[in-house]
Amino acid sequence: MNVDLVTSEDLQQFKNDLLKEIGDMMGQPPGKEKQWIKGCDVRKLLGISNGTLQNLRLNGTLPFTKIGGTMYYRNSVIQNLLEGKV
């Protein structure tokens, strides 16, 4: 039987790597738009209420990803809505 020990340093390194990857996914590379935006920013962009945003989520018009208690939306989908492509 092979046993691998996980040290607190290993866990700390894993945490740092995971946070960096999440930050890279959520971050904004120089010269590019954000890939994901929060619900409050979506409401401002679209000029809608929280209830309307919820209805868009529920009827499938606006796909989202939930991390913790925060909803995130793809910027490309929001731009398509603004341009009337959806």
N, C-alpha and C. Protein backbone atom coordinates (compact mmCIF):
# COMPACT_ATOMS: atom_id res chain seq x y z
N MET A 1 0.84 -1.18 0.00
CA MET A 1 0.00 0.00 0.00
C MET A 1 0.89 1.24 0.00
N ASN A 2 0.59 2.15 -0.92
CA ASN A 2 1.37 3.37 -1.06
C ASN A 2 0.65 4.51 -0.35
N VAL A 3 1.34 5.19 0.56
CA VAL A 3 0.75 6.29 1.31
C VAL A 3 1.49 7.57 0.98
N ASP A 4 0.72 8.59 0.57
CA ASP A 4 1.30 9.91 0.31
C ASP A 4 0.89 10.84 1.44
N LEU A 5 1.87 11.54 1.99
CA LEU A 5 1.59 12.49 3.05
C LEU A 5 1.40 13.88 2.45
N VAL A 6 0.39 14.58 2.94
CA VAL A 6 0.13 15.94 2.50
C VAL A 6 0.47 16.85 3.67
N THR A 7 1.40 17.74 3.43
CA THR A 7 1.83 18.64 4.49
C THR A 7 1.04 19.95 4.41
N SER A 8 1.16 20.75 5.43
CA SER A 8 0.49 22.05 5.43
C SER A 8 1.07 22.95 4.34
N GLU A 9 2.35 22.77 4.02
CA GLU A 9 2.95 23.53 2.93
C GLU A 9 2.33 23.14 1.59
N ASP A 10 2.07 21.83 1.41
CA ASP A 10 1.40 21.36 0.19
C ASP A 10 0.02 21.99 0.05
N LEU A 11 -0.72 22.02 1.14
CA LEU A 11 -2.06 22.62 1.12
C LEU A 11 -1.99 24.12 0.84
N GLN A 12 -1.03 24.80 1.42
CA GLN A 12 -0.87 26.23 1.19
C GLN A 12 -0.54 26.49 -0.28
N GLN A 13 0.33 25.67 -0.86
CA GLN A 13 0.68 25.82 -2.28
C GLN A 13 -0.53 25.57 -3.16
N PHE A 14 -1.32 24.54 -2.82
CA PHE A 14 -2.54 24.25 -3.57
C PHE A 14 -3.50 25.44 -3.51
N LYS A 15 -3.66 26.01 -2.33
CA LYS A 15 -4.54 27.17 -2.15
C LYS A 15 -4.07 28.34 -3.02
N ASN A 16 -2.78 28.62 -2.97
CA ASN A 16 -2.23 29.72 -3.75
C ASN A 16 -2.43 29.50 -5.25
N ASP A 17 -2.20 28.27 -5.72
CA ASP A 17 -2.38 27.95 -7.13
C ASP A 17 -3.84 28.08 -7.54
N LEU A 18 -4.73 27.61 -6.69
CA LEU A 18 -6.16 27.68 -6.99
C LEU A 18 -6.64 29.12 -7.05
N LEU A 19 -6.22 29.93 -6.08
CA LEU A 19 -6.62 31.34 -6.07
C LEU A 19 -6.06 32.08 -7.28
N LYS A 20 -4.85 31.73 -7.69
CA LYS A 20 -4.27 32.37 -8.88
C LYS A 20 -5.06 32.01 -10.13
N GLU A 21 -5.44 30.74 -10.27
CA GLU A 21 -6.22 30.32 -11.43
C GLU A 21 -7.58 30.99 -11.47
N ILE A 22 -8.24 31.08 -10.33
CA ILE A 22 -9.54 31.76 -10.26
C ILE A 22 -9.37 33.23 -10.60
N GLY A 23 -8.32 33.85 -10.07
CA GLY A 23 -8.04 35.24 -10.37
C GLY A 23 -7.78 35.47 -11.85
N ASP A 24 -7.07 34.53 -12.48
CA ASP A 24 -6.80 34.64 -13.91
C ASP A 24 -8.09 34.52 -14.72
N MET A 25 -8.98 33.62 -14.29
CA MET A 25 -10.25 33.45 -14.99
C MET A 25 -11.14 34.68 -14.84
N MET A 26 -11.10 35.30 -13.68
CA MET A 26 -11.98 36.43 -13.41
C MET A 26 -11.34 37.76 -13.77
N GLY A 27 -10.04 37.76 -13.93
CA GLY A 27 -9.32 39.00 -14.15
C GLY A 27 -9.47 39.56 -15.55
N GLN A 28 -8.90 40.69 -15.72
CA GLN A 28 -8.96 41.39 -17.01
C GLN A 28 -7.55 41.53 -17.55
N PRO A 29 -7.22 40.73 -18.58
CA PRO A 29 -5.90 40.89 -19.20
C PRO A 29 -5.78 42.28 -19.81
N PRO A 30 -4.57 42.82 -19.88
CA PRO A 30 -4.39 44.15 -20.44
C PRO A 30 -4.93 44.23 -21.87
N GLY A 31 -5.72 45.28 -22.13
CA GLY A 31 -6.25 45.49 -23.45
C GLY A 31 -7.47 44.66 -23.80
N LYS A 32 -7.97 43.87 -22.88
CA LYS A 32 -9.14 43.04 -23.14
C LYS A 32 -10.23 43.35 -22.12
N GLU A 33 -11.48 43.08 -22.52
CA GLU A 33 -12.60 43.25 -21.62
C GLU A 33 -12.64 42.11 -20.62
N LYS A 34 -13.35 42.33 -19.52
CA LYS A 34 -13.53 41.27 -18.55
C LYS A 34 -14.33 40.14 -19.19
N GLN A 35 -13.99 38.92 -18.85
CA GLN A 35 -14.70 37.77 -19.39
C GLN A 35 -15.99 37.53 -18.60
N TRP A 36 -15.96 37.76 -17.31
CA TRP A 36 -17.11 37.55 -16.43
C TRP A 36 -17.43 38.84 -15.70
N ILE A 37 -18.72 39.13 -15.52
CA ILE A 37 -19.12 40.31 -14.77
C ILE A 37 -20.19 39.94 -13.76
N LYS A 38 -20.26 40.70 -12.68
CA LYS A 38 -21.20 40.44 -11.60
C LYS A 38 -22.59 40.93 -11.96
N GLY A 39 -23.58 40.39 -11.24
CA GLY A 39 -24.97 40.73 -11.49
C GLY A 39 -25.28 42.21 -11.34
N CYS A 40 -24.67 42.87 -10.35
CA CYS A 40 -24.94 44.30 -10.16
C CYS A 40 -24.48 45.10 -11.38
N ASP A 41 -23.37 44.70 -11.99
CA ASP A 41 -22.89 45.38 -13.18
C ASP A 41 -23.77 45.08 -14.39
N VAL A 42 -24.31 43.86 -14.46
CA VAL A 42 -25.22 43.49 -15.54
C VAL A 42 -26.48 44.34 -15.46
N ARG A 43 -27.02 44.50 -14.24
CA ARG A 43 -28.23 45.31 -14.06
C ARG A 43 -27.99 46.74 -14.52
N LYS A 44 -26.82 47.29 -14.21
CA LYS A 44 -26.51 48.65 -14.63
C LYS A 44 -26.39 48.75 -16.15
N LEU A 45 -25.70 47.78 -16.76
CA LEU A 45 -25.51 47.79 -18.22
C LEU A 45 -26.84 47.68 -18.97
N LEU A 46 -27.71 46.78 -18.48
CA LEU A 46 -28.96 46.54 -19.16
C LEU A 46 -30.08 47.47 -18.70
N GLY A 47 -29.85 48.18 -17.59
CA GLY A 47 -30.87 49.08 -17.05
C GLY A 47 -32.10 48.32 -16.56
N ILE A 48 -31.87 47.21 -15.84
CA ILE A 48 -32.97 46.38 -15.37
C ILE A 48 -32.92 46.23 -13.85
N SER A 49 -34.02 45.77 -13.29
CA SER A 49 -34.09 45.55 -11.85
C SER A 49 -33.55 44.17 -11.49
N ASN A 50 -33.40 43.94 -10.20
CA ASN A 50 -32.93 42.66 -9.71
C ASN A 50 -33.93 41.55 -10.08
N GLY A 51 -35.23 41.86 -9.98
CA GLY A 51 -36.27 40.89 -10.34
C GLY A 51 -36.22 40.50 -11.81
N THR A 52 -36.00 41.48 -12.67
CA THR A 52 -35.90 41.20 -14.10
C THR A 52 -34.68 40.33 -14.39
N LEU A 53 -33.58 40.62 -13.73
CA LEU A 53 -32.37 39.80 -13.90
C LEU A 53 -32.65 38.37 -13.46
N GLN A 54 -33.37 38.22 -12.37
CA GLN A 54 -33.72 36.89 -11.89
C GLN A 54 -34.61 36.17 -12.91
N ASN A 55 -35.56 36.87 -13.48
CA ASN A 55 -36.43 36.26 -14.51
C ASN A 55 -35.61 35.82 -15.72
N LEU A 56 -34.64 36.62 -16.13
CA LEU A 56 -33.78 36.25 -17.26
C LEU A 56 -32.98 34.99 -16.95
N ARG A 57 -32.56 34.86 -15.70
CA ARG A 57 -31.85 33.63 -15.28
C ARG A 57 -32.79 32.44 -15.31
N LEU A 58 -33.98 32.61 -14.73
CA LEU A 58 -34.92 31.50 -14.58
C LEU A 58 -35.45 30.99 -15.93
N ASN A 59 -35.69 31.90 -16.87
CA ASN A 59 -36.23 31.44 -18.16
C ASN A 59 -35.13 31.02 -19.14
N GLY A 60 -33.87 31.07 -18.70
CA GLY A 60 -32.76 30.58 -19.51
C GLY A 60 -32.22 31.57 -20.53
N THR A 61 -32.74 32.80 -20.52
CA THR A 61 -32.25 33.81 -21.45
C THR A 61 -30.82 34.20 -21.14
N LEU A 62 -30.49 34.23 -19.85
CA LEU A 62 -29.18 34.69 -19.42
C LEU A 62 -28.49 33.61 -18.58
N PRO A 63 -27.60 32.83 -19.20
CA PRO A 63 -26.87 31.82 -18.43
C PRO A 63 -25.91 32.48 -17.44
N PHE A 64 -25.65 31.79 -16.35
CA PHE A 64 -24.82 32.35 -15.29
C PHE A 64 -24.02 31.26 -14.61
N THR A 65 -23.04 31.69 -13.84
CA THR A 65 -22.27 30.81 -12.99
C THR A 65 -22.29 31.39 -11.59
N LYS A 66 -22.54 30.53 -10.61
CA LYS A 66 -22.60 30.99 -9.23
C LYS A 66 -21.37 30.50 -8.50
N ILE A 67 -20.63 31.43 -7.92
CA ILE A 67 -19.46 31.10 -7.11
C ILE A 67 -19.72 31.70 -5.74
N GLY A 68 -19.81 30.83 -4.74
CA GLY A 68 -20.20 31.30 -3.42
C GLY A 68 -21.63 31.80 -3.52
N GLY A 69 -21.87 33.03 -3.12
CA GLY A 69 -23.19 33.62 -3.23
C GLY A 69 -23.29 34.63 -4.34
N THR A 70 -22.29 34.71 -5.20
CA THR A 70 -22.26 35.73 -6.24
C THR A 70 -22.50 35.12 -7.61
N MET A 71 -23.41 35.75 -8.37
CA MET A 71 -23.71 35.32 -9.73
C MET A 71 -22.78 36.05 -10.70
N TYR A 72 -22.22 35.31 -11.64
CA TYR A 72 -21.37 35.88 -12.67
C TYR A 72 -21.95 35.55 -14.04
N TYR A 73 -21.81 36.48 -14.96
CA TYR A 73 -22.36 36.35 -16.30
C TYR A 73 -21.26 36.60 -17.32
N ARG A 74 -21.30 35.86 -18.42
CA ARG A 74 -20.31 36.06 -19.48
C ARG A 74 -20.53 37.41 -20.15
N ASN A 75 -19.48 38.17 -20.26
CA ASN A 75 -19.57 39.49 -20.87
C ASN A 75 -20.03 39.39 -22.33
N SER A 76 -19.60 38.36 -23.04
CA SER A 76 -19.99 38.20 -24.45
C SER A 76 -21.51 38.03 -24.59
N VAL A 77 -22.14 37.32 -23.65
CA VAL A 77 -23.59 37.13 -23.69
C VAL A 77 -24.30 38.45 -23.44
N ILE A 78 -23.78 39.23 -22.48
CA ILE A 78 -24.37 40.53 -22.17
C ILE A 78 -24.25 41.46 -23.38
N GLN A 79 -23.10 41.44 -24.04
CA GLN A 79 -22.90 42.28 -25.22
C GLN A 79 -23.87 41.88 -26.33
N ASN A 80 -24.11 40.58 -26.50
CA ASN A 80 -25.07 40.10 -27.50
C ASN A 80 -26.48 40.59 -27.17
N LEU A 81 -26.84 40.59 -25.88
CA LEU A 81 -28.14 41.12 -25.48
C LEU A 81 -28.24 42.61 -25.82
N LEU A 82 -27.20 43.36 -25.54
CA LEU A 82 -27.20 44.79 -25.81
C LEU A 82 -27.31 45.07 -27.31
N GLU A 83 -26.73 44.20 -28.12
CA GLU A 83 -26.76 44.37 -29.56
C GLU A 83 -28.00 43.76 -30.20
N GLY A 84 -28.87 43.15 -29.38
CA GLY A 84 -30.10 42.57 -29.89
C GLY A 84 -29.91 41.26 -30.64
N LYS A 85 -28.81 40.55 -30.37
CA LYS A 85 -28.53 39.30 -31.07
C LYS A 85 -29.16 38.10 -30.41
N VAL A 86 -29.77 38.30 -29.24
CA VAL A 86 -30.38 37.16 -28.53
C VAL A 86 -31.88 37.24 -28.62
